Amino acid sequence: LLRSYEAGSSFFFASPRRTLLAQGTFAAVPHVGGPNALEKLPERVAK
């Protein structure tokens, strides 16, 4: 997974217990601006 990482098309995340490599985009979480943008983020991700 580490060897397969490509900047511009990958998400890489390694912790002491696991390694993740995600590639491509099926869907993007839309951005909603404003002072409460981060508070509303879990709701947008769930949708």
ModelCIF file with pLDDT and N, C-alpha, C, O atoms, coordinates in Angstrom:
data_MODEL
#
_entry.id   MODEL 
#
_entity.id                         1 
_entity.type                       polymer 
_entity.pdbx_number_of_molecules   1 
#
_entity_poly.entity_id                      1 
_entity_poly.type                           'polypeptide(L)' 
_entity_poly.nstd_linkage                   no 
_entity_poly.nstd_monomer                   no 
_entity_poly.pdbx_seq_one_letter_code       LLRSYEAGSSFFFASPRRTLLAQGTFAAVPHVGGPNALEKLPERVAK 
_entity_poly.pdbx_seq_one_letter_code_can   LLRSYEAGSSFFFASPRRTLLAQGTFAAVPHVGGPNALEKLPERVAK 
_entity_poly.pdbx_strand_id                 A 
#
loop_
_entity_poly_seq.entity_id 
_entity_poly_seq.num 
_entity_poly_seq.mon_id 
_entity_poly_seq.hetero 
1 1  LEU n 
1 2  LEU n 
1 3  ARG n 
1 4  SER n 
1 5  TYR n 
1 6  GLU n 
1 7  ALA n 
1 8  GLY n 
1 9  SER n 
1 10 SER n 
1 11 PHE n 
1 12 PHE n 
1 13 PHE n 
1 14 ALA n 
1 15 SER n 
1 16 PRO n 
1 17 ARG n 
1 18 ARG n 
1 19 THR n 
1 20 LEU n 
1 21 LEU n 
1 22 ALA n 
1 23 GLN n 
1 24 GLY n 
1 25 THR n 
1 26 PHE n 
1 27 ALA n 
1 28 ALA n 
1 29 VAL n 
1 30 PRO n 
1 31 HIS n 
1 32 VAL n 
1 33 GLY n 
1 34 GLY n 
1 35 PRO n 
1 36 ASN n 
1 37 ALA n 
1 38 LEU n 
1 39 GLU n 
1 40 LYS n 
1 41 LEU n 
1 42 PRO n 
1 43 GLU n 
1 44 ARG n 
1 45 VAL n 
1 46 ALA n 
1 47 LYS n 
#
_struct_asym.id          A 
_struct_asym.entity_id   1 
#
loop_
_ma_qa_metric.id 
_ma_qa_metric.mode 
_ma_qa_metric.name 
_ma_qa_metric.software_group_id 
_ma_qa_metric.type 
1 global pLDDT . pLDDT 
2 local  pLDDT . pLDDT 
#
_ma_qa_metric_global.metric_id      1 
_ma_qa_metric_global.metric_value   90.68 
_ma_qa_metric_global.model_id       1 
_ma_qa_metric_global.ordinal_id     1 
#
loop_
_ma_qa_metric_local.label_asym_id 
_ma_qa_metric_local.label_comp_id 
_ma_qa_metric_local.label_seq_id 
_ma_qa_metric_local.metric_id 
_ma_qa_metric_local.metric_value 
_ma_qa_metric_local.model_id 
_ma_qa_metric_local.ordinal_id 
A LEU 1  2 92.00 1 1  
A LEU 2  2 91.00 1 2  
A ARG 3  2 89.00 1 3  
A SER 4  2 92.00 1 4  
A TYR 5  2 94.00 1 5  
A GLU 6  2 92.00 1 6  
A ALA 7  2 90.00 1 7  
A GLY 8  2 88.00 1 8  
A SER 9  2 89.00 1 9  
A SER 10 2 93.00 1 10 
A PHE 11 2 97.00 1 11 
A PHE 12 2 98.00 1 12 
A PHE 13 2 98.00 1 13 
A ALA 14 2 96.00 1 14 
A SER 15 2 95.00 1 15 
A PRO 16 2 92.00 1 16 
A ARG 17 2 91.00 1 17 
A ARG 18 2 93.00 1 18 
A THR 19 2 96.00 1 19 
A LEU 20 2 97.00 1 20 
A LEU 21 2 97.00 1 21 
A ALA 22 2 97.00 1 22 
A GLN 23 2 95.00 1 23 
A GLY 24 2 94.00 1 24 
A THR 25 2 94.00 1 25 
A PHE 26 2 95.00 1 26 
A ALA 27 2 95.00 1 27 
A ALA 28 2 94.00 1 28 
A VAL 29 2 94.00 1 29 
A PRO 30 2 91.00 1 30 
A HIS 31 2 84.00 1 31 
A VAL 32 2 77.00 1 32 
A GLY 33 2 72.00 1 33 
A GLY 34 2 69.00 1 34 
A PRO 35 2 66.00 1 35 
A ASN 36 2 77.00 1 36 
A ALA 37 2 79.00 1 37 
A LEU 38 2 88.00 1 38 
A GLU 39 2 88.00 1 39 
A LYS 40 2 90.00 1 40 
A LEU 41 2 94.00 1 41 
A PRO 42 2 95.00 1 42 
A GLU 43 2 94.00 1 43 
A ARG 44 2 94.00 1 44 
A VAL 45 2 96.00 1 45 
A ALA 46 2 95.00 1 46 
A LYS 47 2 95.00 1 47 
#
loop_
_atom_site.group_PDB 
_atom_site.id 
_atom_site.type_symbol 
_atom_site.label_atom_id 
_atom_site.label_alt_id 
_atom_site.label_comp_id 
_atom_site.label_asym_id 
_atom_site.label_entity_id 
_atom_site.label_seq_id 
_atom_site.pdbx_PDB_ins_code 
_atom_site.Cartn_x 
_atom_site.Cartn_y 
_atom_site.Cartn_z 
_atom_site.occupancy 
_atom_site.B_iso_or_equiv 
_atom_site.pdbx_formal_charge 
_atom_site.auth_seq_id 
_atom_site.auth_comp_id 
_atom_site.auth_asym_id 
_atom_site.auth_atom_id 
_atom_site.pdbx_PDB_model_num 
ATOM 1   N N  . LEU A 1 1  ? 0.834   -1.208 0.000  1.00 92.00 ? 1  LEU A N  1 
ATOM 2   C CA . LEU A 1 1  ? 0.000   0.000  0.000  1.00 92.00 ? 1  LEU A CA 1 
ATOM 3   C C  . LEU A 1 1  ? 0.862   1.250  0.000  1.00 92.00 ? 1  LEU A C  1 
ATOM 4   O O  . LEU A 1 1  ? 0.557   2.220  -0.693 1.00 92.00 ? 1  LEU A O  1 
ATOM 5   N N  . LEU A 1 2  ? 1.934   1.228  0.773  1.00 91.00 ? 2  LEU A N  1 
ATOM 6   C CA . LEU A 1 2  ? 2.830   2.381  0.798  1.00 91.00 ? 2  LEU A CA 1 
ATOM 7   C C  . LEU A 1 2  ? 3.484   2.579  -0.567 1.00 91.00 ? 2  LEU A C  1 
ATOM 8   O O  . LEU A 1 2  ? 3.604   3.709  -1.042 1.00 91.00 ? 2  LEU A O  1 
ATOM 9   N N  . ARG A 1 3  ? 3.907   1.483  -1.199 1.00 89.00 ? 3  ARG A N  1 
ATOM 10  C CA . ARG A 1 3  ? 4.518   1.586  -2.525 1.00 89.00 ? 3  ARG A CA 1 
ATOM 11  C C  . ARG A 1 3  ? 3.514   2.082  -3.575 1.00 89.00 ? 3  ARG A C  1 
ATOM 12  O O  . ARG A 1 3  ? 3.901   2.708  -4.562 1.00 89.00 ? 3  ARG A O  1 
ATOM 13  N N  . SER A 1 4  ? 2.233   1.799  -3.355 1.00 92.00 ? 4  SER A N  1 
ATOM 14  C CA . SER A 1 4  ? 1.207   2.146  -4.343 1.00 92.00 ? 4  SER A CA 1 
ATOM 15  C C  . SER A 1 4  ? 0.707   3.577  -4.206 1.00 92.00 ? 4  SER A C  1 
ATOM 16  O O  . SER A 1 4  ? -0.072  4.035  -5.042 1.00 92.00 ? 4  SER A O  1 
ATOM 17  N N  . TYR A 1 5  ? 1.135   4.291  -3.173 1.00 94.00 ? 5  TYR A N  1 
ATOM 18  C CA . TYR A 1 5  ? 0.670   5.668  -2.993 1.00 94.00 ? 5  TYR A CA 1 
ATOM 19  C C  . TYR A 1 5  ? 1.105   6.530  -4.176 1.00 94.00 ? 5  TYR A C  1 
ATOM 20  O O  . TYR A 1 5  ? 2.256   6.474  -4.609 1.00 94.00 ? 5  TYR A O  1 
ATOM 21  N N  . GLU A 1 6  ? 0.166   7.331  -4.693 1.00 92.00 ? 6  GLU A N  1 
ATOM 22  C CA . GLU A 1 6  ? 0.446   8.272  -5.772 1.00 92.00 ? 6  GLU A CA 1 
ATOM 23  C C  . GLU A 1 6  ? -0.121  9.632  -5.397 1.00 92.00 ? 6  GLU A C  1 
ATOM 24  O O  . GLU A 1 6  ? -1.329  9.775  -5.207 1.00 92.00 ? 6  GLU A O  1 
ATOM 25  N N  . ALA A 1 7  ? 0.750   10.632 -5.290 1.00 90.00 ? 7  ALA A N  1 
ATOM 26  C CA . ALA A 1 7  ? 0.285   11.984 -4.983 1.00 90.00 ? 7  ALA A CA 1 
ATOM 27  C C  . ALA A 1 7  ? -0.680  12.445 -6.064 1.00 90.00 ? 7  ALA A C  1 
ATOM 28  O O  . ALA A 1 7  ? -0.433  12.265 -7.256 1.00 90.00 ? 7  ALA A O  1 
ATOM 29  N N  . GLY A 1 8  ? -1.781  13.041 -5.630 1.00 88.00 ? 8  GLY A N  1 
ATOM 30  C CA . GLY A 1 8  ? -2.778  13.539 -6.565 1.00 88.00 ? 8  GLY A CA 1 
ATOM 31  C C  . GLY A 1 8  ? -3.950  12.618 -6.787 1.00 88.00 ? 8  GLY A C  1 
ATOM 32  O O  . GLY A 1 8  ? -4.972  13.033 -7.335 1.00 88.00 ? 8  GLY A O  1 
ATOM 33  N N  . SER A 1 9  ? -3.817  11.346 -6.362 1.00 89.00 ? 9  SER A N  1 
ATOM 34  C CA . SER A 1 9  ? -4.928  10.411 -6.582 1.00 89.00 ? 9  SER A CA 1 
ATOM 35  C C  . SER A 1 9  ? -5.137  9.463  -5.421 1.00 89.00 ? 9  SER A C  1 
ATOM 36  O O  . SER A 1 9  ? -5.933  8.531  -5.536 1.00 89.00 ? 9  SER A O  1 
ATOM 37  N N  . SER A 1 10 ? -4.440  9.668  -4.286 1.00 93.00 ? 10 SER A N  1 
ATOM 38  C CA . SER A 1 10 ? -4.498  8.715  -3.181 1.00 93.00 ? 10 SER A CA 1 
ATOM 39  C C  . SER A 1 10 ? -4.689  9.413  -1.843 1.00 93.00 ? 10 SER A C  1 
ATOM 40  O O  . SER A 1 10 ? -4.326  10.574 -1.658 1.00 93.00 ? 10 SER A O  1 
ATOM 41  N N  . PHE A 1 11 ? -5.272  8.660  -0.919 1.00 97.00 ? 11 PHE A N  1 
ATOM 42  C CA . PHE A 1 11 ? -5.300  9.015  0.507  1.00 97.00 ? 11 PHE A CA 1 
ATOM 43  C C  . PHE A 1 11 ? -4.591  7.887  1.241  1.00 97.00 ? 11 PHE A C  1 
ATOM 44  O O  . PHE A 1 11 ? -4.958  6.719  1.108  1.00 97.00 ? 11 PHE A O  1 
ATOM 45  N N  . PHE A 1 12 ? -3.566  8.246  2.020  1.00 98.00 ? 12 PHE A N  1 
ATOM 46  C CA . PHE A 1 12 ? -2.807  7.244  2.771  1.00 98.00 ? 12 PHE A CA 1 
ATOM 47  C C  . PHE A 1 12 ? -2.881  7.589  4.251  1.00 98.00 ? 12 PHE A C  1 
ATOM 48  O O  . PHE A 1 12 ? -2.722  8.745  4.642  1.00 98.00 ? 12 PHE A O  1 
ATOM 49  N N  . PHE A 1 13 ? -3.128  6.558  5.075  1.00 98.00 ? 13 PHE A N  1 
ATOM 50  C CA . PHE A 1 13 ? -3.225  6.775  6.519  1.00 98.00 ? 13 PHE A CA 1 
ATOM 51  C C  . PHE A 1 13 ? -2.722  5.512  7.219  1.00 98.00 ? 13 PHE A C  1 
ATOM 52  O O  . PHE A 1 13 ? -3.313  4.442  7.076  1.00 98.00 ? 13 PHE A O  1 
ATOM 53  N N  . ALA A 1 14 ? -1.645  5.636  7.965  1.00 96.00 ? 14 ALA A N  1 
ATOM 54  C CA . ALA A 1 14 ? -1.074  4.507  8.703  1.00 96.00 ? 14 ALA A CA 1 
ATOM 55  C C  . ALA A 1 14 ? -1.055  4.835  10.183 1.00 96.00 ? 14 ALA A C  1 
ATOM 56  O O  . ALA A 1 14 ? -0.555  5.884  10.588 1.00 96.00 ? 14 ALA A O  1 
ATOM 57  N N  . SER A 1 15 ? -1.601  3.934  10.988 1.00 95.00 ? 15 SER A N  1 
ATOM 58  C CA . SER A 1 15 ? -1.575  4.041  12.439 1.00 95.00 ? 15 SER A CA 1 
ATOM 59  C C  . SER A 1 15 ? -0.763  2.867  12.978 1.00 95.00 ? 15 SER A C  1 
ATOM 60  O O  . SER A 1 15 ? -0.355  2.002  12.203 1.00 95.00 ? 15 SER A O  1 
ATOM 61  N N  . PRO A 1 16 ? -0.517  2.817  14.289 1.00 92.00 ? 16 PRO A N  1 
ATOM 62  C CA . PRO A 1 16 ? 0.220   1.676  14.827 1.00 92.00 ? 16 PRO A CA 1 
ATOM 63  C C  . PRO A 1 16 ? -0.479  0.338  14.637 1.00 92.00 ? 16 PRO A C  1 
ATOM 64  O O  . PRO A 1 16 ? 0.147   -0.706 14.821 1.00 92.00 ? 16 PRO A O  1 
ATOM 65  N N  . ARG A 1 17 ? -1.776  0.338  14.268 1.00 91.00 ? 17 ARG A N  1 
ATOM 66  C CA . ARG A 1 17 ? -2.514  -0.915 14.143 1.00 91.00 ? 17 ARG A CA 1 
ATOM 67  C C  . ARG A 1 17 ? -2.955  -1.242 12.728 1.00 91.00 ? 17 ARG A C  1 
ATOM 68  O O  . ARG A 1 17 ? -3.220  -2.407 12.429 1.00 91.00 ? 17 ARG A O  1 
ATOM 69  N N  . ARG A 1 18 ? -3.044  -0.242 11.836 1.00 93.00 ? 18 ARG A N  1 
ATOM 70  C CA . ARG A 1 18 ? -3.572  -0.530 10.508 1.00 93.00 ? 18 ARG A CA 1 
ATOM 71  C C  . ARG A 1 18 ? -3.042  0.469  9.497  1.00 93.00 ? 18 ARG A C  1 
ATOM 72  O O  . ARG A 1 18 ? -2.543  1.538  9.846  1.00 93.00 ? 18 ARG A O  1 
ATOM 73  N N  . THR A 1 19 ? -3.166  0.089  8.229  1.00 96.00 ? 19 THR A N  1 
ATOM 74  C CA . THR A 1 19 ? -2.735  0.924  7.110  1.00 96.00 ? 19 THR A CA 1 
ATOM 75  C C  . THR A 1 19 ? -3.883  0.985  6.106  1.00 96.00 ? 19 THR A C  1 
ATOM 76  O O  . THR A 1 19 ? -4.476  -0.037 5.763  1.00 96.00 ? 19 THR A O  1 
ATOM 77  N N  . LEU A 1 20 ? -4.187  2.191  5.640  1.00 97.00 ? 20 LEU A N  1 
ATOM 78  C CA . LEU A 1 20 ? -5.257  2.391  4.667  1.00 97.00 ? 20 LEU A CA 1 
ATOM 79  C C  . LEU A 1 20 ? -4.713  3.109  3.445  1.00 97.00 ? 20 LEU A C  1 
ATOM 80  O O  . LEU A 1 20 ? -3.933  4.054  3.559  1.00 97.00 ? 20 LEU A O  1 
ATOM 81  N N  . LEU A 1 21 ? -5.132  2.653  2.280  1.00 97.00 ? 21 LEU A N  1 
ATOM 82  C CA . LEU A 1 21 ? -4.869  3.368  1.034  1.00 97.00 ? 21 LEU A CA 1 
ATOM 83  C C  . LEU A 1 21 ? -6.180  3.468  0.269  1.00 97.00 ? 21 LEU A C  1 
ATOM 84  O O  . LEU A 1 21 ? -6.748  2.453  -0.135 1.00 97.00 ? 21 LEU A O  1 
ATOM 85  N N  . ALA A 1 22 ? -6.659  4.690  0.070  1.00 97.00 ? 22 ALA A N  1 
ATOM 86  C CA . ALA A 1 22 ? -7.871  4.937  -0.711 1.00 97.00 ? 22 ALA A CA 1 
ATOM 87  C C  . ALA A 1 22 ? -7.476  5.646  -1.993 1.00 97.00 ? 22 ALA A C  1 
ATOM 88  O O  . ALA A 1 22 ? -6.596  6.507  -1.993 1.00 97.00 ? 22 ALA A O  1 
ATOM 89  N N  . GLN A 1 23 ? -8.132  5.280  -3.084 1.00 95.00 ? 23 GLN A N  1 
ATOM 90  C CA . GLN A 1 23 ? -7.794  5.871  -4.377 1.00 95.00 ? 23 GLN A CA 1 
ATOM 91  C C  . GLN A 1 23 ? -9.048  6.259  -5.140 1.00 95.00 ? 23 GLN A C  1 
ATOM 92  O O  . GLN A 1 23 ? -10.082 5.598  -5.048 1.00 95.00 ? 23 GLN A O  1 
ATOM 93  N N  . GLY A 1 24 ? -8.932  7.354  -5.902 1.00 94.00 ? 24 GLY A N  1 
ATOM 94  C CA . GLY A 1 24 ? -10.049 7.825  -6.696 1.00 94.00 ? 24 GLY A CA 1 
ATOM 95  C C  . GLY A 1 24 ? -11.122 8.477  -5.840 1.00 94.00 ? 24 GLY A C  1 
ATOM 96  O O  . GLY A 1 24 ? -11.034 8.482  -4.612 1.00 94.00 ? 24 GLY A O  1 
ATOM 97  N N  . THR A 1 25 ? -12.143 9.030  -6.503 1.00 94.00 ? 25 THR A N  1 
ATOM 98  C CA . THR A 1 25 ? -13.258 9.685  -5.815 1.00 94.00 ? 25 THR A CA 1 
ATOM 99  C C  . THR A 1 25 ? -14.575 9.190  -6.381 1.00 94.00 ? 25 THR A C  1 
ATOM 100 O O  . THR A 1 25 ? -14.880 9.424  -7.551 1.00 94.00 ? 25 THR A O  1 
ATOM 101 N N  . PHE A 1 26 ? -15.358 8.506  -5.555 1.00 95.00 ? 26 PHE A N  1 
ATOM 102 C CA . PHE A 1 26 ? -16.715 8.112  -5.931 1.00 95.00 ? 26 PHE A CA 1 
ATOM 103 C C  . PHE A 1 26 ? -17.675 9.267  -5.688 1.00 95.00 ? 26 PHE A C  1 
ATOM 104 O O  . PHE A 1 26 ? -18.563 9.525  -6.501 1.00 95.00 ? 26 PHE A O  1 
ATOM 105 N N  . ALA A 1 27 ? -17.494 9.971  -4.549 1.00 95.00 ? 27 ALA A N  1 
ATOM 106 C CA . ALA A 1 27 ? -18.334 11.125 -4.218 1.00 95.00 ? 27 ALA A CA 1 
ATOM 107 C C  . ALA A 1 27 ? -17.558 12.034 -3.285 1.00 95.00 ? 27 ALA A C  1 
ATOM 108 O O  . ALA A 1 27 ? -16.796 11.557 -2.444 1.00 95.00 ? 27 ALA A O  1 
ATOM 109 N N  . ALA A 1 28 ? -17.741 13.324 -3.423 1.00 94.00 ? 28 ALA A N  1 
ATOM 110 C CA . ALA A 1 28 ? -17.105 14.308 -2.554 1.00 94.00 ? 28 ALA A CA 1 
ATOM 111 C C  . ALA A 1 28 ? -18.143 14.887 -1.602 1.00 94.00 ? 28 ALA A C  1 
ATOM 112 O O  . ALA A 1 28 ? -19.290 15.115 -1.985 1.00 94.00 ? 28 ALA A O  1 
ATOM 113 N N  . VAL A 1 29 ? -17.736 15.122 -0.369 1.00 94.00 ? 29 VAL A N  1 
ATOM 114 C CA . VAL A 1 29 ? -18.630 15.741 0.613  1.00 94.00 ? 29 VAL A CA 1 
ATOM 115 C C  . VAL A 1 29 ? -18.708 17.228 0.297  1.00 94.00 ? 29 VAL A C  1 
ATOM 116 O O  . VAL A 1 29 ? -17.675 17.898 0.305  1.00 94.00 ? 29 VAL A O  1 
ATOM 117 N N  . PRO A 1 30 ? -19.900 17.778 0.016  1.00 91.00 ? 30 PRO A N  1 
ATOM 118 C CA . PRO A 1 30 ? -19.998 19.191 -0.374 1.00 91.00 ? 30 PRO A CA 1 
ATOM 119 C C  . PRO A 1 30 ? -19.656 20.119 0.786  1.00 91.00 ? 30 PRO A C  1 
ATOM 120 O O  . PRO A 1 30 ? -19.888 19.805 1.954  1.00 91.00 ? 30 PRO A O  1 
ATOM 121 N N  . HIS A 1 31 ? -19.099 21.263 0.427  1.00 84.00 ? 31 HIS A N  1 
ATOM 122 C CA . HIS A 1 31 ? -18.754 22.265 1.437  1.00 84.00 ? 31 HIS A CA 1 
ATOM 123 C C  . HIS A 1 31 ? -19.914 23.230 1.623  1.00 84.00 ? 31 HIS A C  1 
ATOM 124 O O  . HIS A 1 31 ? -20.510 23.702 0.655  1.00 84.00 ? 31 HIS A O  1 
ATOM 125 N N  . VAL A 1 32 ? -20.219 23.511 2.867  1.00 77.00 ? 32 VAL A N  1 
ATOM 126 C CA . VAL A 1 32 ? -21.200 24.534 3.219  1.00 77.00 ? 32 VAL A CA 1 
ATOM 127 C C  . VAL A 1 32 ? -20.485 25.535 4.115  1.00 77.00 ? 32 VAL A C  1 
ATOM 128 O O  . VAL A 1 32 ? -20.016 25.173 5.194  1.00 77.00 ? 32 VAL A O  1 
ATOM 129 N N  . GLY A 1 33 ? -20.397 26.786 3.682  1.00 72.00 ? 33 GLY A N  1 
ATOM 130 C CA . GLY A 1 33 ? -19.656 27.789 4.429  1.00 72.00 ? 33 GLY A CA 1 
ATOM 131 C C  . GLY A 1 33 ? -20.422 28.294 5.640  1.00 72.00 ? 33 GLY A C  1 
ATOM 132 O O  . GLY A 1 33 ? -21.525 27.834 5.936  1.00 72.00 ? 33 GLY A O  1 
ATOM 133 N N  . GLY A 1 34 ? -19.812 29.254 6.338  1.00 69.00 ? 34 GLY A N  1 
ATOM 134 C CA . GLY A 1 34 ? -20.463 29.853 7.486  1.00 69.00 ? 34 GLY A CA 1 
ATOM 135 C C  . GLY A 1 34 ? -19.819 29.461 8.790  1.00 69.00 ? 34 GLY A C  1 
ATOM 136 O O  . GLY A 1 34 ? -18.985 28.556 8.829  1.00 69.00 ? 34 GLY A O  1 
ATOM 137 N N  . PRO A 1 35 ? -20.202 30.144 9.878  1.00 66.00 ? 35 PRO A N  1 
ATOM 138 C CA . PRO A 1 35 ? -19.553 29.920 11.172 1.00 66.00 ? 35 PRO A CA 1 
ATOM 139 C C  . PRO A 1 35 ? -19.772 28.524 11.741 1.00 66.00 ? 35 PRO A C  1 
ATOM 140 O O  . PRO A 1 35 ? -18.959 28.054 12.536 1.00 66.00 ? 35 PRO A O  1 
ATOM 141 N N  . ASN A 1 36 ? -20.859 27.847 11.348 1.00 77.00 ? 36 ASN A N  1 
ATOM 142 C CA . ASN A 1 36 ? -21.150 26.516 11.885 1.00 77.00 ? 36 ASN A CA 1 
ATOM 143 C C  . ASN A 1 36 ? -20.843 25.410 10.888 1.00 77.00 ? 36 ASN A C  1 
ATOM 144 O O  . ASN A 1 36 ? -21.396 24.314 10.981 1.00 77.00 ? 36 ASN A O  1 
ATOM 145 N N  . ALA A 1 37 ? -19.956 25.695 9.927  1.00 79.00 ? 37 ALA A N  1 
ATOM 146 C CA . ALA A 1 37 ? -19.674 24.732 8.861  1.00 79.00 ? 37 ALA A CA 1 
ATOM 147 C C  . ALA A 1 37 ? -19.165 23.412 9.408  1.00 79.00 ? 37 ALA A C  1 
ATOM 148 O O  . ALA A 1 37 ? -19.588 22.353 8.943  1.00 79.00 ? 37 ALA A O  1 
ATOM 149 N N  . LEU A 1 38 ? -18.262 23.446 10.387 1.00 88.00 ? 38 LEU A N  1 
ATOM 150 C CA . LEU A 1 38 ? -17.697 22.203 10.904 1.00 88.00 ? 38 LEU A CA 1 
ATOM 151 C C  . LEU A 1 38 ? -18.724 21.435 11.736 1.00 88.00 ? 38 LEU A C  1 
ATOM 152 O O  . LEU A 1 38 ? -18.730 20.204 11.710 1.00 88.00 ? 38 LEU A O  1 
ATOM 153 N N  . GLU A 1 39 ? -19.581 22.124 12.462 1.00 88.00 ? 39 GLU A N  1 
ATOM 154 C CA . GLU A 1 39 ? -20.600 21.451 13.265 1.00 88.00 ? 39 GLU A CA 1 
ATOM 155 C C  . GLU A 1 39 ? -21.542 20.631 12.396 1.00 88.00 ? 39 GLU A C  1 
ATOM 156 O O  . GLU A 1 39 ? -22.031 19.585 12.822 1.00 88.00 ? 39 GLU A O  1 
ATOM 157 N N  . LYS A 1 40 ? -21.799 21.099 11.183 1.00 90.00 ? 40 LYS A N  1 
ATOM 158 C CA . LYS A 1 40 ? -22.727 20.413 10.275 1.00 90.00 ? 40 LYS A CA 1 
ATOM 159 C C  . LYS A 1 40 ? -22.042 19.324 9.455  1.00 90.00 ? 40 LYS A C  1 
ATOM 160 O O  . LYS A 1 40 ? -22.706 18.604 8.709  1.00 90.00 ? 40 LYS A O  1 
ATOM 161 N N  . LEU A 1 41 ? -20.733 19.197 9.585  1.00 94.00 ? 41 LEU A N  1 
ATOM 162 C CA . LEU A 1 41 ? -19.987 18.269 8.752  1.00 94.00 ? 41 LEU A CA 1 
ATOM 163 C C  . LEU A 1 41 ? -20.403 16.809 8.953  1.00 94.00 ? 41 LEU A C  1 
ATOM 164 O O  . LEU A 1 41 ? -20.589 16.114 7.954  1.00 94.00 ? 41 LEU A O  1 
ATOM 165 N N  . PRO A 1 42 ? -20.561 16.299 10.183 1.00 95.00 ? 42 PRO A N  1 
ATOM 166 C CA . PRO A 1 42 ? -20.973 14.891 10.329 1.00 95.00 ? 42 PRO A CA 1 
ATOM 167 C C  . PRO A 1 42 ? -22.292 14.574 9.632  1.00 95.00 ? 42 PRO A C  1 
ATOM 168 O O  . PRO A 1 42 ? -22.455 13.490 9.073  1.00 95.00 ? 42 PRO A O  1 
ATOM 169 N N  . GLU A 1 43 ? -23.228 15.509 9.663  1.00 94.00 ? 43 GLU A N  1 
ATOM 170 C CA . GLU A 1 43 ? -24.521 15.308 9.003  1.00 94.00 ? 43 GLU A CA 1 
ATOM 171 C C  . GLU A 1 43 ? -24.347 15.197 7.491  1.00 94.00 ? 43 GLU A C  1 
ATOM 172 O O  . GLU A 1 43 ? -24.978 14.357 6.850  1.00 94.00 ? 43 GLU A O  1 
ATOM 173 N N  . ARG A 1 44 ? -23.479 16.055 6.918  1.00 94.00 ? 44 ARG A N  1 
ATOM 174 C CA . ARG A 1 44 ? -23.247 16.005 5.472  1.00 94.00 ? 44 ARG A CA 1 
ATOM 175 C C  . ARG A 1 44 ? -22.535 14.720 5.076  1.00 94.00 ? 44 ARG A C  1 
ATOM 176 O O  . ARG A 1 44 ? -22.845 14.131 4.041  1.00 94.00 ? 44 ARG A O  1 
ATOM 177 N N  . VAL A 1 45 ? -21.586 14.284 5.892  1.00 96.00 ? 45 VAL A N  1 
ATOM 178 C CA . VAL A 1 45 ? -20.871 13.044 5.601  1.00 96.00 ? 45 VAL A CA 1 
ATOM 179 C C  . VAL A 1 45 ? -21.821 11.854 5.669  1.00 96.00 ? 45 VAL A C  1 
ATOM 180 O O  . VAL A 1 45 ? -21.770 10.969 4.816  1.00 96.00 ? 45 VAL A O  1 
ATOM 181 N N  . ALA A 1 46 ? -22.687 11.830 6.681  1.00 95.00 ? 46 ALA A N  1 
ATOM 182 C CA . ALA A 1 46 ? -23.640 10.728 6.815  1.00 95.00 ? 46 ALA A CA 1 
ATOM 183 C C  . ALA A 1 46 ? -24.538 10.636 5.581  1.00 95.00 ? 46 ALA A C  1 
ATOM 184 O O  . ALA A 1 46 ? -24.849 9.535  5.126  1.00 95.00 ? 46 ALA A O  1 
ATOM 185 N N  . LYS A 1 47 ? -24.954 11.775 5.038  1.00 95.00 ? 47 LYS A N  1 
ATOM 186 C CA . LYS A 1 47 ? -25.809 11.750 3.847  1.00 95.00 ? 47 LYS A CA 1 
ATOM 187 C C  . LYS A 1 47 ? -25.058 11.213 2.639  1.00 95.00 ? 47 LYS A C  1 
ATOM 188 O O  . LYS A 1 47 ? -25.624 11.123 1.550  1.00 95.00 ? 47 LYS A O  1 
#
